[in-house]
Amino acid sequence: MFSSRDHDRSLQAALAAVVAAASCFSLADKFDADQSESATRVGSFLAQHRRFEQLNEHCDKTVAEIRASLGR
């Protein structure tokens, strides 16, 4: 059975391990990773937006042609 002193030591060792693991990842590194991921997502979003605009223009043109042909 553990004494309270042994229990305190094991808790302190566990806490030290958690602190050591957390210090491996700096906030600056996380920010840089998030920033580069965000830039990638923005680029993907802009490409999708341009494609949507092209498809929308194509649909508008097609609808206008259909209406013109029905009016004849």
PDB file of N, CA and C in Angstrom:
ATOM      1  N   MET A   1       0.842  -1.163   0.000  1.00  0.00           N
ATOM      2  CA  MET A   1       0.000   0.000   0.000  1.00  0.00           C
ATOM      3  C   MET A   1       0.902   1.246   0.000  1.00  0.00           C
ATOM      4  N   PHE A   2       0.454   2.268  -0.721  1.00  0.00           N
ATOM      5  CA  PHE A   2       1.240   3.494  -0.817  1.00  0.00           C
ATOM      6  C   PHE A   2       1.007   4.382   0.395  1.00  0.00           C
ATOM      7  N   SER A   3       2.064   5.019   0.823  1.00  0.00           N
ATOM      8  CA  SER A   3       1.894   6.035   1.863  1.00  0.00           C
ATOM      9  C   SER A   3       1.517   7.342   1.171  1.00  0.00           C
ATOM     10  N   SER A   4       1.063   8.288   1.926  1.00  0.00           N
ATOM     11  CA  SER A   4       0.674   9.566   1.320  1.00  0.00           C
ATOM     12  C   SER A   4       1.876  10.262   0.695  1.00  0.00           C
ATOM     13  N   ARG A   5       3.053  10.027   1.262  1.00  0.00           N
ATOM     14  CA  ARG A   5       4.272  10.622   0.712  1.00  0.00           C
ATOM     15  C   ARG A   5       4.577  10.011  -0.666  1.00  0.00           C
ATOM     16  N   ASP A   6       4.453   8.677  -0.787  1.00  0.00           N
ATOM     17  CA  ASP A   6       4.665   8.012  -2.075  1.00  0.00           C
ATOM     18  C   ASP A   6       3.629   8.473  -3.096  1.00  0.00           C
ATOM     19  N   HIS A   7       2.402   8.643  -2.627  1.00  0.00           N
ATOM     20  CA  HIS A   7       1.326   9.105  -3.512  1.00  0.00           C
ATOM     21  C   HIS A   7       1.631  10.517  -4.022  1.00  0.00           C
ATOM     22  N   ASP A   8       2.094  11.385  -3.154  1.00  0.00           N
ATOM     23  CA  ASP A   8       2.463  12.748  -3.541  1.00  0.00           C
ATOM     24  C   ASP A   8       3.592  12.741  -4.563  1.00  0.00           C
ATOM     25  N   ARG A   9       4.569  11.855  -4.347  1.00  0.00           N
ATOM     26  CA  ARG A   9       5.682  11.773  -5.286  1.00  0.00           C
ATOM     27  C   ARG A   9       5.216  11.288  -6.654  1.00  0.00           C
ATOM     28  N   SER A  10       4.321  10.313  -6.670  1.00  0.00           N
ATOM     29  CA  SER A  10       3.842   9.809  -7.963  1.00  0.00           C
ATOM     30  C   SER A  10       3.009  10.869  -8.679  1.00  0.00           C
ATOM     31  N   LEU A  11       2.239  11.647  -7.927  1.00  0.00           N
ATOM     32  CA  LEU A  11       1.476  12.742  -8.542  1.00  0.00           C
ATOM     33  C   LEU A  11       2.409  13.819  -9.088  1.00  0.00           C
ATOM     34  N   GLN A  12       3.464  14.118  -8.333  1.00  0.00           N
ATOM     35  CA  GLN A  12       4.432  15.114  -8.795  1.00  0.00           C
ATOM     36  C   GLN A  12       5.156  14.623 -10.039  1.00  0.00           C
ATOM     37  N   ALA A  13       5.465  13.345 -10.088  1.00  0.00           N
ATOM     38  CA  ALA A  13       6.132  12.787 -11.263  1.00  0.00           C
ATOM     39  C   ALA A  13       5.201  12.829 -12.471  1.00  0.00           C
ATOM     40  N   ALA A  14       3.929  12.521 -12.245  1.00  0.00           N
ATOM     41  CA  ALA A  14       2.957  12.573 -13.341  1.00  0.00           C
ATOM     42  C   ALA A  14       2.783  14.002 -13.834  1.00  0.00           C
ATOM     43  N   LEU A  15       2.715  14.938 -12.912  1.00  0.00           N
ATOM     44  CA  LEU A  15       2.589  16.347 -13.284  1.00  0.00           C
ATOM     45  C   LEU A  15       3.810  16.814 -14.059  1.00  0.00           C
ATOM     46  N   ALA A  16       4.993  16.409 -13.627  1.00  0.00           N
ATOM     47  CA  ALA A  16       6.221  16.781 -14.327  1.00  0.00           C
ATOM     48  C   ALA A  16       6.228  16.210 -15.742  1.00  0.00           C
ATOM     49  N   ALA A  17       5.711  14.991 -15.908  1.00  0.00           N
ATOM     50  CA  ALA A  17       5.646  14.385 -17.238  1.00  0.00           C
ATOM     51  C   ALA A  17       4.684  15.158 -18.141  1.00  0.00           C
ATOM     52  N   VAL A  18       3.565  15.576 -17.580  1.00  0.00           N
ATOM     53  CA  VAL A  18       2.593  16.352 -18.363  1.00  0.00           C
ATOM     54  C   VAL A  18       3.184  17.695 -18.763  1.00  0.00           C
ATOM     55  N   VAL A  19       3.848  18.361 -17.851  1.00  0.00           N
ATOM     56  CA  VAL A  19       4.470  19.658 -18.144  1.00  0.00           C
ATOM     57  C   VAL A  19       5.553  19.498 -19.205  1.00  0.00           C
ATOM     58  N   ALA A  20       6.337  18.436 -19.107  1.00  0.00           N
ATOM     59  CA  ALA A  20       7.393  18.199 -20.092  1.00  0.00           C
ATOM     60  C   ALA A  20       6.800  17.933 -21.466  1.00  0.00           C
ATOM     61  N   ALA A  21       5.718  17.168 -21.516  1.00  0.00           N
ATOM     62  CA  ALA A  21       5.078  16.875 -22.801  1.00  0.00           C
ATOM     63  C   ALA A  21       4.467  18.137 -23.398  1.00  0.00           C
ATOM     64  N   ALA A  22       3.865  18.951 -22.567  1.00  0.00           N
ATOM     65  CA  ALA A  22       3.246  20.179 -23.058  1.00  0.00           C
ATOM     66  C   ALA A  22       4.284  21.169 -23.555  1.00  0.00           C
ATOM     67  N   SER A  23       5.457  21.173 -22.963  1.00  0.00           N
ATOM     68  CA  SER A  23       6.473  22.145 -23.377  1.00  0.00           C
ATOM     69  C   SER A  23       7.112  21.774 -24.713  1.00  0.00           C
ATOM     70  N   CYS A  24       6.889  20.563 -25.188  1.00  0.00           N
ATOM     71  CA  CYS A  24       7.430  20.153 -26.493  1.00  0.00           C
ATOM     72  C   CYS A  24       6.777  20.929 -27.633  1.00  0.00           C
ATOM     73  N   PHE A  25       5.551  21.379 -27.424  1.00  0.00           N
ATOM     74  CA  PHE A  25       4.807  22.086 -28.461  1.00  0.00           C
ATOM     75  C   PHE A  25       4.696  23.548 -28.067  1.00  0.00           C
ATOM     76  N   SER A  26       5.398  24.387 -28.785  1.00  0.00           N
ATOM     77  CA  SER A  26       5.321  25.806 -28.459  1.00  0.00           C
ATOM     78  C   SER A  26       4.124  26.425 -29.172  1.00  0.00           C
ATOM     79  N   LEU A  27       3.608  27.472 -28.594  1.00  0.00           N
ATOM     80  CA  LEU A  27       2.477  28.167 -29.205  1.00  0.00           C
ATOM     81  C   LEU A  27       2.872  28.795 -30.537  1.00  0.00           C
ATOM     82  N   ALA A  28       4.100  29.212 -30.659  1.00  0.00           N
ATOM     83  CA  ALA A  28       4.563  29.806 -31.916  1.00  0.00           C
ATOM     84  C   ALA A  28       4.509  28.782 -33.038  1.00  0.00           C
ATOM     85  N   ASP A  29       4.949  27.548 -32.767  1.00  0.00           N
ATOM     86  CA  ASP A  29       4.893  26.499 -33.781  1.00  0.00           C
ATOM     87  C   ASP A  29       3.450  26.200 -34.173  1.00  0.00           C
ATOM     88  N   LYS A  30       2.567  26.150 -33.184  1.00  0.00           N
ATOM     89  CA  LYS A  30       1.156  25.882 -33.471  1.00  0.00           C
ATOM     90  C   LYS A  30       0.574  27.012 -34.311  1.00  0.00           C
ATOM     91  N   PHE A  31       0.906  28.248 -33.979  1.00  0.00           N
ATOM     92  CA  PHE A  31       0.399  29.390 -34.733  1.00  0.00           C
ATOM     93  C   PHE A  31       0.891  29.336 -36.176  1.00  0.00           C
ATOM     94  N   ASP A  32       2.183  29.015 -36.374  1.00  0.00           N
ATOM     95  CA  ASP A  32       2.722  28.922 -37.725  1.00  0.00           C
ATOM     96  C   ASP A  32       2.021  27.825 -38.517  1.00  0.00           C
ATOM     97  N   ALA A  33       1.764  26.693 -37.877  1.00  0.00           N
ATOM     98  CA  ALA A  33       1.078  25.589 -38.553  1.00  0.00           C
ATOM     99  C   ALA A  33      -0.349  25.988 -38.900  1.00  0.00           C
ATOM    100  N   ASP A  34      -1.034  26.639 -37.965  1.00  0.00           N
ATOM    101  CA  ASP A  34      -2.409  27.081 -38.223  1.00  0.00           C
ATOM    102  C   ASP A  34      -2.445  28.112 -39.339  1.00  0.00           C
ATOM    103  N   GLN A  35      -1.442  28.981 -39.364  1.00  0.00           N
ATOM    104  CA  GLN A  35      -1.397  30.042 -40.370  1.00  0.00           C
ATOM    105  C   GLN A  35      -1.184  29.441 -41.765  1.00  0.00           C
ATOM    106  N   SER A  36      -0.291  28.470 -41.882  1.00  0.00           N
ATOM    107  CA  SER A  36      -0.051  27.869 -43.191  1.00  0.00           C
ATOM    108  C   SER A  36      -1.257  27.040 -43.628  1.00  0.00           C
ATOM    109  N   GLU A  37      -1.917  26.376 -42.676  1.00  0.00           N
ATOM    110  CA  GLU A  37      -3.124  25.613 -43.006  1.00  0.00           C
ATOM    111  C   GLU A  37      -4.240  26.557 -43.446  1.00  0.00           C
ATOM    112  N   SER A  38      -4.346  27.694 -42.778  1.00  0.00           N
ATOM    113  CA  SER A  38      -5.358  28.685 -43.146  1.00  0.00           C
ATOM    114  C   SER A  38      -5.096  29.224 -44.547  1.00  0.00           C
ATOM    115  N   ALA A  39      -3.838  29.480 -44.868  1.00  0.00           N
ATOM    116  CA  ALA A  39      -3.502  29.984 -46.198  1.00  0.00           C
ATOM    117  C   ALA A  39      -3.875  28.959 -47.263  1.00  0.00           C
ATOM    118  N   THR A  40      -3.656  27.689 -46.976  1.00  0.00           N
ATOM    119  CA  THR A  40      -4.019  26.633 -47.917  1.00  0.00           C
ATOM    120  C   THR A  40      -5.526  26.589 -48.108  1.00  0.00           C
ATOM    121  N   ARG A  41      -6.263  26.711 -47.014  1.00  0.00           N
ATOM    122  CA  ARG A  41      -7.733  26.694 -47.106  1.00  0.00           C
ATOM    123  C   ARG A  41      -8.261  27.903 -47.859  1.00  0.00           C
ATOM    124  N   VAL A  42      -7.651  29.063 -47.633  1.00  0.00           N
ATOM    125  CA  VAL A  42      -8.085  30.275 -48.341  1.00  0.00           C
ATOM    126  C   VAL A  42      -7.850  30.109 -49.836  1.00  0.00           C
ATOM    127  N   GLY A  43      -6.704  29.581 -50.204  1.00  0.00           N
ATOM    128  CA  GLY A  43      -6.414  29.352 -51.619  1.00  0.00           C
ATOM    129  C   GLY A  43      -7.409  28.393 -52.248  1.00  0.00           C
ATOM    130  N   SER A  44      -7.748  27.338 -51.544  1.00  0.00           N
ATOM    131  CA  SER A  44      -8.729  26.360 -52.028  1.00  0.00           C
ATOM    132  C   SER A  44     -10.105  27.011 -52.155  1.00  0.00           C
ATOM    133  N   PHE A  45     -10.479  27.809 -51.164  1.00  0.00           N
ATOM    134  CA  PHE A  45     -11.764  28.494 -51.204  1.00  0.00           C
ATOM    135  C   PHE A  45     -11.844  29.453 -52.386  1.00  0.00           C
ATOM    136  N   LEU A  46     -10.786  30.214 -52.638  1.00  0.00           N
ATOM    137  CA  LEU A  46     -10.796  31.159 -53.756  1.00  0.00           C
ATOM    138  C   LEU A  46     -10.901  30.437 -55.095  1.00  0.00           C
ATOM    139  N   ALA A  47     -10.221  29.298 -55.228  1.00  0.00           N
ATOM    140  CA  ALA A  47     -10.325  28.512 -56.465  1.00  0.00           C
ATOM    141  C   ALA A  47     -11.748  27.989 -56.649  1.00  0.00           C
ATOM    142  N   GLN A  48     -12.368  27.515 -55.586  1.00  0.00           N
ATOM    143  CA  GLN A  48     -13.748  27.046 -55.666  1.00  0.00           C
ATOM    144  C   GLN A  48     -14.693  28.189 -56.003  1.00  0.00           C
ATOM    145  N   HIS A  49     -14.432  29.367 -55.437  1.00  0.00           N
ATOM    146  CA  HIS A  49     -15.270  30.531 -55.702  1.00  0.00           C
ATOM    147  C   HIS A  49     -15.189  30.944 -57.179  1.00  0.00           C
ATOM    148  N   ARG A  50     -13.970  30.942 -57.729  1.00  0.00           N
ATOM    149  CA  ARG A  50     -13.816  31.281 -59.158  1.00  0.00           C
ATOM    150  C   ARG A  50     -14.560  30.275 -60.030  1.00  0.00           C
ATOM    151  N   ARG A  51     -14.452  28.991 -59.689  1.00  0.00           N
ATOM    152  CA  ARG A  51     -15.141  27.948 -60.446  1.00  0.00           C
ATOM    153  C   ARG A  51     -16.653  28.137 -60.350  1.00  0.00           C
ATOM    154  N   PHE A  52     -17.159  28.468 -59.193  1.00  0.00           N
ATOM    155  CA  PHE A  52     -18.586  28.725 -59.021  1.00  0.00           C
ATOM    156  C   PHE A  52     -19.038  29.900 -59.881  1.00  0.00           C
ATOM    157  N   GLU A  53     -18.245  30.965 -59.912  1.00  0.00           N
ATOM    158  CA  GLU A  53     -18.598  32.122 -60.744  1.00  0.00           C
ATOM    159  C   GLU A  53     -18.638  31.738 -62.222  1.00  0.00           C
ATOM    160  N   GLN A  54     -17.676  30.915 -62.672  1.00  0.00           N
ATOM    161  CA  GLN A  54     -17.675  30.463 -64.065  1.00  0.00           C
ATOM    162  C   GLN A  54     -18.920  29.636 -64.375  1.00  0.00           C
ATOM    163  N   LEU A  55     -19.268  28.726 -63.472  1.00  0.00           N
ATOM    164  CA  LEU A  55     -20.458  27.898 -63.687  1.00  0.00           C
ATOM    165  C   LEU A  55     -21.721  28.747 -63.670  1.00  0.00           C
ATOM    166  N   ASN A  56     -21.769  29.737 -62.796  1.00  0.00           N
ATOM    167  CA  ASN A  56     -22.928  30.624 -62.730  1.00  0.00           C
ATOM    168  C   ASN A  56     -23.075  31.426 -64.022  1.00  0.00           C
ATOM    169  N   GLU A  57     -21.960  31.938 -64.551  1.00  0.00           N
ATOM    170  CA  GLU A  57     -22.009  32.668 -65.823  1.00  0.00           C
ATOM    171  C   GLU A  57     -22.473  31.751 -66.952  1.00  0.00           C
ATOM    172  N   HIS A  58     -21.983  30.517 -66.959  1.00  0.00           N
ATOM    173  CA  HIS A  58     -22.384  29.558 -67.984  1.00  0.00           C
ATOM    174  C   HIS A  58     -23.889  29.277 -67.896  1.00  0.00           C
ATOM    175  N   CYS A  59     -24.393  29.090 -66.690  1.00  0.00           N
ATOM    176  CA  CYS A  59     -25.831  28.845 -66.514  1.00  0.00           C
ATOM    177  C   CYS A  59     -26.655  30.057 -66.965  1.00  0.00           C
ATOM    178  N   ASP A  60     -26.217  31.260 -66.609  1.00  0.00           N
ATOM    179  CA  ASP A  60     -26.929  32.471 -67.025  1.00  0.00           C
ATOM    180  C   ASP A  60     -26.970  32.578 -68.548  1.00  0.00           C
ATOM    181  N   LYS A  61     -25.849  32.293 -69.188  1.00  0.00           N
ATOM    182  CA  LYS A  61     -25.774  32.358 -70.647  1.00  0.00           C
ATOM    183  C   LYS A  61     -26.695  31.306 -71.281  1.00  0.00           C
ATOM    184  N   THR A  62     -26.690  30.106 -70.738  1.00  0.00           N
ATOM    185  CA  THR A  62     -27.526  29.028 -71.267  1.00  0.00           C
ATOM    186  C   THR A  62     -29.006  29.360 -71.108  1.00  0.00           C
ATOM    187  N   VAL A  63     -29.384  29.877 -69.955  1.00  0.00           N
ATOM    188  CA  VAL A  63     -30.777  30.264 -69.727  1.00  0.00           C
ATOM    189  C   VAL A  63     -31.188  31.376 -70.695  1.00  0.00           C
ATOM    190  N   ALA A  64     -30.309  32.327 -70.939  1.00  0.00           N
ATOM    191  CA  ALA A  64     -30.609  33.409 -71.872  1.00  0.00           C
ATOM    192  C   ALA A  64     -30.791  32.868 -73.285  1.00  0.00           C
ATOM    193  N   GLU A  65     -29.954  31.907 -73.685  1.00  0.00           N
ATOM    194  CA  GLU A  65     -30.103  31.283 -75.009  1.00  0.00           C
ATOM    195  C   GLU A  65     -31.402  30.515 -75.116  1.00  0.00           C
ATOM    196  N   ILE A  66     -31.765  29.808 -74.081  1.00  0.00           N
ATOM    197  CA  ILE A  66     -33.034  29.047 -74.101  1.00  0.00           C
ATOM    198  C   ILE A  66     -34.217  30.001 -74.191  1.00  0.00           C
ATOM    199  N   ARG A  67     -34.214  31.068 -73.434  1.00  0.00           N
ATOM    200  CA  ARG A  67     -35.304  32.046 -73.479  1.00  0.00           C
ATOM    201  C   ARG A  67     -35.391  32.692 -74.860  1.00  0.00           C
ATOM    202  N   ALA A  68     -34.228  32.992 -75.443  1.00  0.00           N
ATOM    203  CA  ALA A  68     -34.219  33.600 -76.778  1.00  0.00           C
ATOM    204  C   ALA A  68     -34.797  32.639 -77.801  1.00  0.00           C
ATOM    205  N   SER A  69     -34.446  31.358 -77.687  1.00  0.00           N
ATOM    206  CA  SER A  69     -34.961  30.388 -78.656  1.00  0.00           C
ATOM    207  C   SER A  69     -36.455  30.151 -78.477  1.00  0.00           C
ATOM    208  N   LEU A  70     -36.981  30.278 -77.273  1.00  0.00           N
ATOM    209  CA  LEU A  70     -38.418  30.107 -77.038  1.00  0.00           C
ATOM    210  C   LEU A  70     -39.206  31.313 -77.541  1.00  0.00           C
ATOM    211  N   GLY A  71     -38.559  32.456 -77.567  1.00  0.00           N
ATOM    212  CA  GLY A  71     -39.222  33.662 -78.017  1.00  0.00           C
ATOM    213  C   GLY A  71     -39.350  33.752 -79.518  1.00  0.00           C
ATOM    214  N   ARG A  72     -38.692  32.906 -80.270  1.00  0.00           N
ATOM    215  CA  ARG A  72     -38.720  32.970 -81.731  1.00  0.00           C
ATOM    216  C   ARG A  72     -39.963  32.380 -82.286  1.00  0.00           C
TER     217      ARG A  72
END
